[in-house]
Amino acid sequence: DAIGPEPPASPGDGLGQFDRLPPDAQLLLFSPLCDDAILDVVRTIRSSGAAVTVVSPDPTTTAYPAGAIAHLERSLRIDALHNAGVSVVDWAWDRPLEDVLRRTR
């Protein structure tokens, strides 16, 4: 499971500050989801008992082959987060954030 309930195995990951969150905390995490490292961050936050919503501005393009691959990889990360019960707000750069957030209510 890419986003299981267990925190990452590496004790030197610098994510220990999430242990101090109150269990009813709700965090907004802004990330373009361009690599898998963010999945460990979300896993760590969730293991602390806090809820997390990812707001993800989309920097990818499908105009070029490399961009299309990056777009697909990002989509797979969003799917993994959704499958783990994490809310993701997928934010296209050409839309005002306020409109995107209003649409996701």
PDB file of N, CA and C in Angstrom:
ATOM      1  N   ASP A   1       0.842  -1.182   0.000  1.00  0.00           N
ATOM      2  CA  ASP A   1       0.000   0.000   0.000  1.00  0.00           C
ATOM      3  C   ASP A   1       0.884   1.240   0.000  1.00  0.00           C
ATOM      4  N   ALA A   2       0.756   2.069  -1.002  1.00  0.00           N
ATOM      5  CA  ALA A   2       1.597   3.256  -1.129  1.00  0.00           C
ATOM      6  C   ALA A   2       1.363   4.249  -0.003  1.00  0.00           C
ATOM      7  N   ILE A   3       0.166   4.308   0.525  1.00  0.00           N
ATOM      8  CA  ILE A   3      -0.163   5.266   1.575  1.00  0.00           C
ATOM      9  C   ILE A   3      -0.781   4.527   2.754  1.00  0.00           C
ATOM     10  N   GLY A   4      -0.075   3.583   3.286  1.00  0.00           N
ATOM     11  CA  GLY A   4      -0.587   2.833   4.418  1.00  0.00           C
ATOM     12  C   GLY A   4      -0.534   3.640   5.700  1.00  0.00           C
ATOM     13  N   PRO A   5      -0.992   3.074   6.788  1.00  0.00           N
ATOM     14  CA  PRO A   5      -1.039   3.805   8.054  1.00  0.00           C
ATOM     15  C   PRO A   5       0.308   3.905   8.763  1.00  0.00           C
ATOM     16  N   GLU A   6       1.309   3.195   8.296  1.00  0.00           N
ATOM     17  CA  GLU A   6       2.609   3.214   8.962  1.00  0.00           C
ATOM     18  C   GLU A   6       3.478   4.353   8.439  1.00  0.00           C
ATOM     19  N   PRO A   7       4.237   5.011   9.337  1.00  0.00           N
ATOM     20  CA  PRO A   7       5.145   6.060   8.883  1.00  0.00           C
ATOM     21  C   PRO A   7       6.323   5.457   8.132  1.00  0.00           C
ATOM     22  N   PRO A   8       7.069   6.271   7.392  1.00  0.00           N
ATOM     23  CA  PRO A   8       8.244   5.760   6.687  1.00  0.00           C
ATOM     24  C   PRO A   8       9.244   5.165   7.663  1.00  0.00           C
ATOM     25  N   ALA A   9      10.037   4.229   7.191  1.00  0.00           N
ATOM     26  CA  ALA A   9      10.980   3.517   8.048  1.00  0.00           C
ATOM     27  C   ALA A   9      12.174   4.366   8.455  1.00  0.00           C
ATOM     28  N   SER A  10      12.513   5.370   7.696  1.00  0.00           N
ATOM     29  CA  SER A  10      13.715   6.152   7.951  1.00  0.00           C
ATOM     30  C   SER A  10      13.528   7.105   9.126  1.00  0.00           C
ATOM     31  N   PRO A  11      14.294   6.907  10.227  1.00  0.00           N
ATOM     32  CA  PRO A  11      14.155   7.804  11.369  1.00  0.00           C
ATOM     33  C   PRO A  11      14.745   9.182  11.097  1.00  0.00           C
ATOM     34  N   GLY A  12      15.585   9.320  10.097  1.00  0.00           N
ATOM     35  CA  GLY A  12      16.209  10.599   9.793  1.00  0.00           C
ATOM     36  C   GLY A  12      15.467  11.380   8.733  1.00  0.00           C
ATOM     37  N   ASP A  13      14.186  11.129   8.588  1.00  0.00           N
ATOM     38  CA  ASP A  13      13.435  11.770   7.517  1.00  0.00           C
ATOM     39  C   ASP A  13      13.016  13.200   7.841  1.00  0.00           C
ATOM     40  N   GLY A  14      13.221  13.655   9.080  1.00  0.00           N
ATOM     41  CA  GLY A  14      12.876  15.019   9.447  1.00  0.00           C
ATOM     42  C   GLY A  14      11.392  15.261   9.611  1.00  0.00           C
ATOM     43  N   LEU A  15      10.604  14.209   9.696  1.00  0.00           N
ATOM     44  CA  LEU A  15       9.160  14.368   9.780  1.00  0.00           C
ATOM     45  C   LEU A  15       8.624  14.141  11.187  1.00  0.00           C
ATOM     46  N   GLY A  16       9.495  14.072  12.172  1.00  0.00           N
ATOM     47  CA  GLY A  16       9.078  13.800  13.544  1.00  0.00           C
ATOM     48  C   GLY A  16       8.193  14.869  14.150  1.00  0.00           C
ATOM     49  N   GLN A  17       8.209  16.076  13.590  1.00  0.00           N
ATOM     50  CA  GLN A  17       7.382  17.146  14.146  1.00  0.00           C
ATOM     51  C   GLN A  17       5.898  16.820  14.068  1.00  0.00           C
ATOM     52  N   PHE A  18       5.511  15.921  13.204  1.00  0.00           N
ATOM     53  CA  PHE A  18       4.099  15.572  13.093  1.00  0.00           C
ATOM     54  C   PHE A  18       3.617  14.765  14.290  1.00  0.00           C
ATOM     55  N   ASP A  19       4.535  14.201  15.060  1.00  0.00           N
ATOM     56  CA  ASP A  19       4.156  13.466  16.267  1.00  0.00           C
ATOM     57  C   ASP A  19       3.516  14.380  17.306  1.00  0.00           C
ATOM     58  N   ARG A  20       3.772  15.668  17.216  1.00  0.00           N
ATOM     59  CA  ARG A  20       3.259  16.616  18.207  1.00  0.00           C
ATOM     60  C   ARG A  20       1.895  17.187  17.840  1.00  0.00           C
ATOM     61  N   LEU A  21       1.347  16.778  16.729  1.00  0.00           N
ATOM     62  CA  LEU A  21       0.038  17.287  16.321  1.00  0.00           C
ATOM     63  C   LEU A  21      -1.062  16.698  17.190  1.00  0.00           C
ATOM     64  N   PRO A  22      -2.074  17.499  17.499  1.00  0.00           N
ATOM     65  CA  PRO A  22      -3.217  16.915  18.197  1.00  0.00           C
ATOM     66  C   PRO A  22      -3.904  15.907  17.273  1.00  0.00           C
ATOM     67  N   PRO A  23      -4.465  14.850  17.827  1.00  0.00           N
ATOM     68  CA  PRO A  23      -5.050  13.801  16.990  1.00  0.00           C
ATOM     69  C   PRO A  23      -6.215  14.276  16.126  1.00  0.00           C
ATOM     70  N   ASP A  24      -6.836  15.390  16.487  1.00  0.00           N
ATOM     71  CA  ASP A  24      -7.955  15.884  15.689  1.00  0.00           C
ATOM     72  C   ASP A  24      -7.527  16.992  14.717  1.00  0.00           C
ATOM     73  N   ALA A  25      -6.217  17.127  14.503  1.00  0.00           N
ATOM     74  CA  ALA A  25      -5.710  18.163  13.601  1.00  0.00           C
ATOM     75  C   ALA A  25      -6.116  17.869  12.159  1.00  0.00           C
ATOM     76  N   GLN A  26      -6.352  18.929  11.421  1.00  0.00           N
ATOM     77  CA  GLN A  26      -6.635  18.833   9.983  1.00  0.00           C
ATOM     78  C   GLN A  26      -5.572  19.663   9.279  1.00  0.00           C
ATOM     79  N   LEU A  27      -4.753  19.010   8.473  1.00  0.00           N
ATOM     80  CA  LEU A  27      -3.677  19.704   7.783  1.00  0.00           C
ATOM     81  C   LEU A  27      -3.983  19.845   6.304  1.00  0.00           C
ATOM     82  N   LEU A  28      -3.619  20.998   5.768  1.00  0.00           N
ATOM     83  CA  LEU A  28      -3.642  21.211   4.327  1.00  0.00           C
ATOM     84  C   LEU A  28      -2.203  21.135   3.855  1.00  0.00           C
ATOM     85  N   LEU A  29      -1.953  20.252   2.936  1.00  0.00           N
ATOM     86  CA  LEU A  29      -0.608  20.058   2.403  1.00  0.00           C
ATOM     87  C   LEU A  29      -0.619  20.488   0.944  1.00  0.00           C
ATOM     88  N   PHE A  30       0.173  21.495   0.619  1.00  0.00           N
ATOM     89  CA  PHE A  30       0.269  21.968  -0.760  1.00  0.00           C
ATOM     90  C   PHE A  30       1.468  21.308  -1.417  1.00  0.00           C
ATOM     91  N   SER A  31       1.223  20.590  -2.508  1.00  0.00           N
ATOM     92  CA  SER A  31       2.289  19.901  -3.220  1.00  0.00           C
ATOM     93  C   SER A  31       1.863  19.662  -4.663  1.00  0.00           C
ATOM     94  N   PRO A  32       2.790  19.820  -5.613  1.00  0.00           N
ATOM     95  CA  PRO A  32       2.455  19.489  -6.997  1.00  0.00           C
ATOM     96  C   PRO A  32       2.445  17.979  -7.258  1.00  0.00           C
ATOM     97  N   LEU A  33       2.839  17.185  -6.262  1.00  0.00           N
ATOM     98  CA  LEU A  33       2.864  15.718  -6.372  1.00  0.00           C
ATOM     99  C   LEU A  33       3.732  15.257  -7.539  1.00  0.00           C
ATOM    100  N   CYS A  34       4.907  15.865  -7.649  1.00  0.00           N
ATOM    101  CA  CYS A  34       5.811  15.547  -8.758  1.00  0.00           C
ATOM    102  C   CYS A  34       6.736  14.371  -8.479  1.00  0.00           C
ATOM    103  N   ASP A  35       6.776  13.902  -7.234  1.00  0.00           N
ATOM    104  CA  ASP A  35       7.581  12.716  -6.944  1.00  0.00           C
ATOM    105  C   ASP A  35       6.939  11.936  -5.803  1.00  0.00           C
ATOM    106  N   ASP A  36       7.459  10.747  -5.572  1.00  0.00           N
ATOM    107  CA  ASP A  36       6.860   9.857  -4.577  1.00  0.00           C
ATOM    108  C   ASP A  36       7.176  10.237  -3.134  1.00  0.00           C
ATOM    109  N   ALA A  37       8.130  11.136  -2.912  1.00  0.00           N
ATOM    110  CA  ALA A  37       8.506  11.501  -1.541  1.00  0.00           C
ATOM    111  C   ALA A  37       7.315  12.042  -0.760  1.00  0.00           C
ATOM    112  N   ILE A  38       6.428  12.725  -1.414  1.00  0.00           N
ATOM    113  CA  ILE A  38       5.278  13.307  -0.726  1.00  0.00           C
ATOM    114  C   ILE A  38       4.366  12.220  -0.158  1.00  0.00           C
ATOM    115  N   LEU A  39       4.386  11.043  -0.753  1.00  0.00           N
ATOM    116  CA  LEU A  39       3.568   9.947  -0.232  1.00  0.00           C
ATOM    117  C   LEU A  39       4.027   9.565   1.174  1.00  0.00           C
ATOM    118  N   ASP A  40       5.347   9.608   1.423  1.00  0.00           N
ATOM    119  CA  ASP A  40       5.861   9.339   2.771  1.00  0.00           C
ATOM    120  C   ASP A  40       5.419  10.420   3.752  1.00  0.00           C
ATOM    121  N   VAL A  41       5.400  11.652   3.292  1.00  0.00           N
ATOM    122  CA  VAL A  41       4.959  12.750   4.161  1.00  0.00           C
ATOM    123  C   VAL A  41       3.500  12.537   4.560  1.00  0.00           C
ATOM    124  N   VAL A  42       2.663  12.217   3.593  1.00  0.00           N
ATOM    125  CA  VAL A  42       1.248  11.985   3.888  1.00  0.00           C
ATOM    126  C   VAL A  42       1.090  10.792   4.822  1.00  0.00           C
ATOM    127  N   ARG A  43       1.842   9.741   4.588  1.00  0.00           N
ATOM    128  CA  ARG A  43       1.782   8.558   5.461  1.00  0.00           C
ATOM    129  C   ARG A  43       2.162   8.938   6.891  1.00  0.00           C
ATOM    130  N   THR A  44       3.195   9.753   7.042  1.00  0.00           N
ATOM    131  CA  THR A  44       3.637  10.172   8.373  1.00  0.00           C
ATOM    132  C   THR A  44       2.570  11.013   9.063  1.00  0.00           C
ATOM    133  N   ILE A  45       1.985  11.941   8.339  1.00  0.00           N
ATOM    134  CA  ILE A  45       0.936  12.778   8.923  1.00  0.00           C
ATOM    135  C   ILE A  45      -0.234  11.916   9.371  1.00  0.00           C
ATOM    136  N   ARG A  46      -0.646  11.003   8.520  1.00  0.00           N
ATOM    137  CA  ARG A  46      -1.787  10.150   8.860  1.00  0.00           C
ATOM    138  C   ARG A  46      -1.477   9.241  10.036  1.00  0.00           C
ATOM    139  N   SER A  47      -0.220   8.794  10.166  1.00  0.00           N
ATOM    140  CA  SER A  47       0.130   7.910  11.283  1.00  0.00           C
ATOM    141  C   SER A  47       0.064   8.649  12.616  1.00  0.00           C
ATOM    142  N   SER A  48       0.135   9.982  12.575  1.00  0.00           N
ATOM    143  CA  SER A  48       0.015  10.766  13.809  1.00  0.00           C
ATOM    144  C   SER A  48      -1.443  10.903  14.238  1.00  0.00           C
ATOM    145  N   GLY A  49      -2.358  10.472  13.384  1.00  0.00           N
ATOM    146  CA  GLY A  49      -3.781  10.564  13.687  1.00  0.00           C
ATOM    147  C   GLY A  49      -4.447  11.776  13.066  1.00  0.00           C
ATOM    148  N   ALA A  50      -3.660  12.664  12.493  1.00  0.00           N
ATOM    149  CA  ALA A  50      -4.217  13.870  11.894  1.00  0.00           C
ATOM    150  C   ALA A  50      -4.777  13.572  10.506  1.00  0.00           C
ATOM    151  N   ALA A  51      -5.803  14.306  10.149  1.00  0.00           N
ATOM    152  CA  ALA A  51      -6.356  14.208   8.797  1.00  0.00           C
ATOM    153  C   ALA A  51      -5.566  15.150   7.895  1.00  0.00           C
ATOM    154  N   VAL A  52      -5.428  14.779   6.649  1.00  0.00           N
ATOM    155  CA  VAL A  52      -4.687  15.612   5.708  1.00  0.00           C
ATOM    156  C   VAL A  52      -5.475  15.731   4.410  1.00  0.00           C
ATOM    157  N   THR A  53      -5.484  16.930   3.884  1.00  0.00           N
ATOM    158  CA  THR A  53      -6.026  17.193   2.557  1.00  0.00           C
ATOM    159  C   THR A  53      -4.885  17.750   1.728  1.00  0.00           C
ATOM    160  N   VAL A  54      -4.680  17.184   0.559  1.00  0.00           N
ATOM    161  CA  VAL A  54      -3.618  17.642  -0.328  1.00  0.00           C
ATOM    162  C   VAL A  54      -4.223  18.583  -1.366  1.00  0.00           C
ATOM    163  N   VAL A  55      -3.672  19.789  -1.438  1.00  0.00           N
ATOM    164  CA  VAL A  55      -4.029  20.738  -2.488  1.00  0.00           C
ATOM    165  C   VAL A  55      -2.861  20.710  -3.463  1.00  0.00           C
ATOM    166  N   SER A  56      -3.147  20.276  -4.685  1.00  0.00           N
ATOM    167  CA  SER A  56      -2.068  20.000  -5.619  1.00  0.00           C
ATOM    168  C   SER A  56      -2.178  20.819  -6.900  1.00  0.00           C
ATOM    169  N   PRO A  57      -1.365  21.893  -6.989  1.00  0.00           N
ATOM    170  CA  PRO A  57      -1.310  22.617  -8.255  1.00  0.00           C
ATOM    171  C   PRO A  57      -0.654  21.727  -9.309  1.00  0.00           C
ATOM    172  N   ASP A  58      -1.224  21.700 -10.489  1.00  0.00           N
ATOM    173  CA  ASP A  58      -0.742  20.804 -11.543  1.00  0.00           C
ATOM    174  C   ASP A  58       0.243  21.521 -12.464  1.00  0.00           C
ATOM    175  N   PRO A  59       1.548  21.231 -12.331  1.00  0.00           N
ATOM    176  CA  PRO A  59       2.543  21.870 -13.191  1.00  0.00           C
ATOM    177  C   PRO A  59       2.811  21.096 -14.482  1.00  0.00           C
ATOM    178  N   THR A  60       2.114  19.994 -14.684  1.00  0.00           N
ATOM    179  CA  THR A  60       2.432  19.130 -15.819  1.00  0.00           C
ATOM    180  C   THR A  60       1.741  19.594 -17.092  1.00  0.00           C
ATOM    181  N   THR A  61       2.272  19.116 -18.193  1.00  0.00           N
ATOM    182  CA  THR A  61       1.698  19.381 -19.503  1.00  0.00           C
ATOM    183  C   THR A  61       1.766  18.100 -20.320  1.00  0.00           C
ATOM    184  N   THR A  62       0.876  17.973 -21.240  1.00  0.00           N
ATOM    185  CA  THR A  62       0.918  16.798 -22.117  1.00  0.00           C
ATOM    186  C   THR A  62       1.398  17.182 -23.514  1.00  0.00           C
ATOM    187  N   ALA A  63       1.952  18.384 -23.641  1.00  0.00           N
ATOM    188  CA  ALA A  63       2.394  18.869 -24.951  1.00  0.00           C
ATOM    189  C   ALA A  63       3.637  18.140 -25.464  1.00  0.00           C
ATOM    190  N   TYR A  64       4.392  17.541 -24.567  1.00  0.00           N
ATOM    191  CA  TYR A  64       5.625  16.846 -24.940  1.00  0.00           C
ATOM    192  C   TYR A  64       5.622  15.469 -24.294  1.00  0.00           C
ATOM    193  N   PRO A  65       6.341  14.510 -24.868  1.00  0.00           N
ATOM    194  CA  PRO A  65       6.339  13.152 -24.294  1.00  0.00           C
ATOM    195  C   PRO A  65       6.754  13.113 -22.824  1.00  0.00           C
ATOM    196  N   ALA A  66       7.800  13.832 -22.456  1.00  0.00           N
ATOM    197  CA  ALA A  66       8.239  13.815 -21.053  1.00  0.00           C
ATOM    198  C   ALA A  66       7.169  14.411 -20.146  1.00  0.00           C
ATOM    199  N   GLY A  67       6.502  15.445 -20.613  1.00  0.00           N
ATOM    200  CA  GLY A  67       5.426  16.051 -19.835  1.00  0.00           C
ATOM    201  C   GLY A  67       4.245  15.121 -19.678  1.00  0.00           C
ATOM    202  N   ALA A  68       3.962  14.363 -20.733  1.00  0.00           N
ATOM    203  CA  ALA A  68       2.858  13.400 -20.665  1.00  0.00           C
ATOM    204  C   ALA A  68       3.156  12.310 -19.639  1.00  0.00           C
ATOM    205  N   ILE A  69       4.410  11.891 -19.569  1.00  0.00           N
ATOM    206  CA  ILE A  69       4.801  10.882 -18.574  1.00  0.00           C
ATOM    207  C   ILE A  69       4.676  11.464 -17.166  1.00  0.00           C
ATOM    208  N   ALA A  70       5.148  12.694 -16.981  1.00  0.00           N
ATOM    209  CA  ALA A  70       5.037  13.345 -15.672  1.00  0.00           C
ATOM    210  C   ALA A  70       3.566  13.499 -15.278  1.00  0.00           C
ATOM    211  N   HIS A  71       2.731  13.828 -16.239  1.00  0.00           N
ATOM    212  CA  HIS A  71       1.291  13.973 -15.982  1.00  0.00           C
ATOM    213  C   HIS A  71       0.684  12.634 -15.538  1.00  0.00           C
ATOM    214  N   LEU A  72       1.060  11.567 -16.220  1.00  0.00           N
ATOM    215  CA  LEU A  72       0.567  10.234 -15.860  1.00  0.00           C
ATOM    216  C   LEU A  72       1.047   9.832 -14.467  1.00  0.00           C
ATOM    217  N   GLU A  73       2.318  10.046 -14.170  1.00  0.00           N
ATOM    218  CA  GLU A  73       2.850   9.691 -12.855  1.00  0.00           C
ATOM    219  C   GLU A  73       2.141  10.471 -11.747  1.00  0.00           C
ATOM    220  N   ARG A  74       1.896  11.744 -11.989  1.00  0.00           N
ATOM    221  CA  ARG A  74       1.183  12.561 -11.012  1.00  0.00           C
ATOM    222  C   ARG A  74      -0.243  12.037 -10.816  1.00  0.00           C
ATOM    223  N   SER A  75      -0.893  11.666 -11.906  1.00  0.00           N
ATOM    224  CA  SER A  75      -2.247  11.105 -11.817  1.00  0.00           C
ATOM    225  C   SER A  75      -2.264   9.821 -10.992  1.00  0.00           C
ATOM    226  N   LEU A  76      -1.233   9.005 -11.143  1.00  0.00           N
ATOM    227  CA  LEU A  76      -1.139   7.770 -10.352  1.00  0.00           C
ATOM    228  C   LEU A  76      -0.961   8.079  -8.870  1.00  0.00           C
ATOM    229  N   ARG A  77      -0.208   9.129  -8.557  1.00  0.00           N
ATOM    230  CA  ARG A  77      -0.057   9.526  -7.149  1.00  0.00           C
ATOM    231  C   ARG A  77      -1.387  10.009  -6.581  1.00  0.00           C
ATOM    232  N   ILE A  78      -2.116  10.773  -7.366  1.00  0.00           N
ATOM    233  CA  ILE A  78      -3.438  11.236  -6.919  1.00  0.00           C
ATOM    234  C   ILE A  78      -4.352  10.040  -6.685  1.00  0.00           C
ATOM    235  N   ASP A  79      -4.331   9.076  -7.593  1.00  0.00           N
ATOM    236  CA  ASP A  79      -5.144   7.864  -7.420  1.00  0.00           C
ATOM    237  C   ASP A  79      -4.758   7.118  -6.144  1.00  0.00           C
ATOM    238  N   ALA A  80      -3.454   7.000  -5.880  1.00  0.00           N
ATOM    239  CA  ALA A  80      -2.998   6.307  -4.668  1.00  0.00           C
ATOM    240  C   ALA A  80      -3.500   7.026  -3.418  1.00  0.00           C
ATOM    241  N   LEU A  81      -3.454   8.344  -3.433  1.00  0.00           N
ATOM    242  CA  LEU A  81      -3.954   9.112  -2.290  1.00  0.00           C
ATOM    243  C   LEU A  81      -5.457   8.923  -2.127  1.00  0.00           C
ATOM    244  N   HIS A  82      -6.194   9.028  -3.223  1.00  0.00           N
ATOM    245  CA  HIS A  82      -7.649   8.816  -3.156  1.00  0.00           C
ATOM    246  C   HIS A  82      -7.975   7.418  -2.633  1.00  0.00           C
ATOM    247  N   ASN A  83      -7.265   6.415  -3.135  1.00  0.00           N
ATOM    248  CA  ASN A  83      -7.517   5.030  -2.709  1.00  0.00           C
ATOM    249  C   ASN A  83      -7.228   4.825  -1.228  1.00  0.00           C
ATOM    250  N   ALA A  84      -6.361   5.659  -0.673  1.00  0.00           N
ATOM    251  CA  ALA A  84      -6.046   5.568   0.754  1.00  0.00           C
ATOM    252  C   ALA A  84      -6.983   6.432   1.593  1.00  0.00           C
ATOM    253  N   GLY A  85      -7.951   7.066   0.951  1.00  0.00           N
ATOM    254  CA  GLY A  85      -8.908   7.881   1.683  1.00  0.00           C
ATOM    255  C   GLY A  85      -8.457   9.308   1.933  1.00  0.00           C
ATOM    256  N   VAL A  86      -7.431   9.747   1.219  1.00  0.00           N
ATOM    257  CA  VAL A  86      -6.927  11.109   1.374  1.00  0.00           C
ATOM    258  C   VAL A  86      -7.641  12.007   0.368  1.00  0.00           C
ATOM    259  N   SER A  87      -8.131  13.135   0.840  1.00  0.00           N
ATOM    260  CA  SER A  87      -8.755  14.102  -0.059  1.00  0.00           C
ATOM    261  C   SER A  87      -7.676  14.844  -0.830  1.00  0.00           C
ATOM    262  N   VAL A  88      -7.874  14.950  -2.133  1.00  0.00           N
ATOM    263  CA  VAL A  88      -6.931  15.672  -2.987  1.00  0.00           C
ATOM    264  C   VAL A  88      -7.711  16.693  -3.801  1.00  0.00           C
ATOM    265  N   VAL A  89      -7.258  17.927  -3.742  1.00  0.00           N
ATOM    266  CA  VAL A  89      -7.817  18.987  -4.575  1.00  0.00           C
ATOM    267  C   VAL A  89      -6.828  19.172  -5.722  1.00  0.00           C
ATOM    268  N   ASP A  90      -7.226  18.760  -6.917  1.00  0.00           N
ATOM    269  CA  ASP A  90      -6.380  18.855  -8.103  1.00  0.00           C
ATOM    270  C   ASP A  90      -6.597  20.228  -8.728  1.00  0.00           C
ATOM    271  N   TRP A  91      -5.574  21.064  -8.654  1.00  0.00           N
ATOM    272  CA  TRP A  91      -5.701  22.475  -9.007  1.00  0.00           C
ATOM    273  C   TRP A  91      -4.980  22.765 -10.314  1.00  0.00           C
ATOM    274  N   ALA A  92      -5.739  23.033 -11.364  1.00  0.00           N
ATOM    275  CA  ALA A  92      -5.156  23.446 -12.643  1.00  0.00           C
ATOM    276  C   ALA A  92      -4.696  24.899 -12.519  1.00  0.00           C
ATOM    277  N   TRP A  93      -3.516  25.183 -13.030  1.00  0.00           N
ATOM    278  CA  TRP A  93      -2.921  26.518 -12.893  1.00  0.00           C
ATOM    279  C   TRP A  93      -3.786  27.621 -13.486  1.00  0.00           C
ATOM    280  N   ASP A  94      -4.594  27.305 -14.470  1.00  0.00           N
ATOM    281  CA  ASP A  94      -5.379  28.346 -15.128  1.00  0.00           C
ATOM    282  C   ASP A  94      -6.699  28.641 -14.418  1.00  0.00           C
ATOM    283  N   ARG A  95      -6.915  28.025 -13.270  1.00  0.00           N
ATOM    284  CA  ARG A  95      -8.138  28.253 -12.491  1.00  0.00           C
ATOM    285  C   ARG A  95      -7.778  28.910 -11.170  1.00  0.00           C
ATOM    286  N   PRO A  96      -8.527  29.906 -10.747  1.00  0.00           N
ATOM    287  CA  PRO A  96      -8.273  30.494  -9.428  1.00  0.00           C
ATOM    288  C   PRO A  96      -8.507  29.456  -8.327  1.00  0.00           C
ATOM    289  N   LEU A  97      -7.638  29.457  -7.335  1.00  0.00           N
ATOM    290  CA  LEU A  97      -7.753  28.485  -6.244  1.00  0.00           C
ATOM    291  C   LEU A  97      -9.123  28.576  -5.574  1.00  0.00           C
ATOM    292  N   GLU A  98      -9.619  29.761  -5.407  1.00  0.00           N
ATOM    293  CA  GLU A  98     -10.928  29.932  -4.774  1.00  0.00           C
ATOM    294  C   GLU A  98     -12.012  29.148  -5.523  1.00  0.00           C
ATOM    295  N   ASP A  99     -11.986  29.198  -6.850  1.00  0.00           N
ATOM    296  CA  ASP A  99     -12.975  28.469  -7.648  1.00  0.00           C
ATOM    297  C   ASP A  99     -12.817  26.959  -7.478  1.00  0.00           C
ATOM    298  N   VAL A 100     -11.580  26.503  -7.455  1.00  0.00           N
ATOM    299  CA  VAL A 100     -11.317  25.070  -7.318  1.00  0.00           C
ATOM    300  C   VAL A 100     -11.790  24.576  -5.955  1.00  0.00           C
ATOM    301  N   LEU A 101     -11.500  25.332  -4.912  1.00  0.00           N
ATOM    302  CA  LEU A 101     -11.926  24.930  -3.569  1.00  0.00           C
ATOM    303  C   LEU A 101     -13.442  24.957  -3.441  1.00  0.00           C
ATOM    304  N   ARG A 102     -14.064  25.924  -4.032  1.00  0.00           N
ATOM    305  CA  ARG A 102     -15.529  26.012  -3.983  1.00  0.00           C
ATOM    306  C   ARG A 102     -16.154  24.797  -4.675  1.00  0.00           C
ATOM    307  N   ARG A 103     -15.563  24.365  -5.767  1.00  0.00           N
ATOM    308  CA  ARG A 103     -16.079  23.232  -6.535  1.00  0.00           C
ATOM    309  C   ARG A 103     -15.942  21.911  -5.776  1.00  0.00           C
ATOM    310  N   THR A 104     -14.981  21.809  -4.867  1.00  0.00           N
ATOM    311  CA  THR A 104     -14.736  20.542  -4.173  1.00  0.00           C
ATOM    312  C   THR A 104     -15.557  20.386  -2.903  1.00  0.00           C
ATOM    313  N   ARG A 105     -16.332  21.347  -2.533  1.00  0.00           N
ATOM    314  CA  ARG A 105     -17.134  21.237  -1.303  1.00  0.00           C
ATOM    315  C   ARG A 105     -18.186  20.194  -1.415  1.00  0.00           C
TER     316      ARG A 105
END
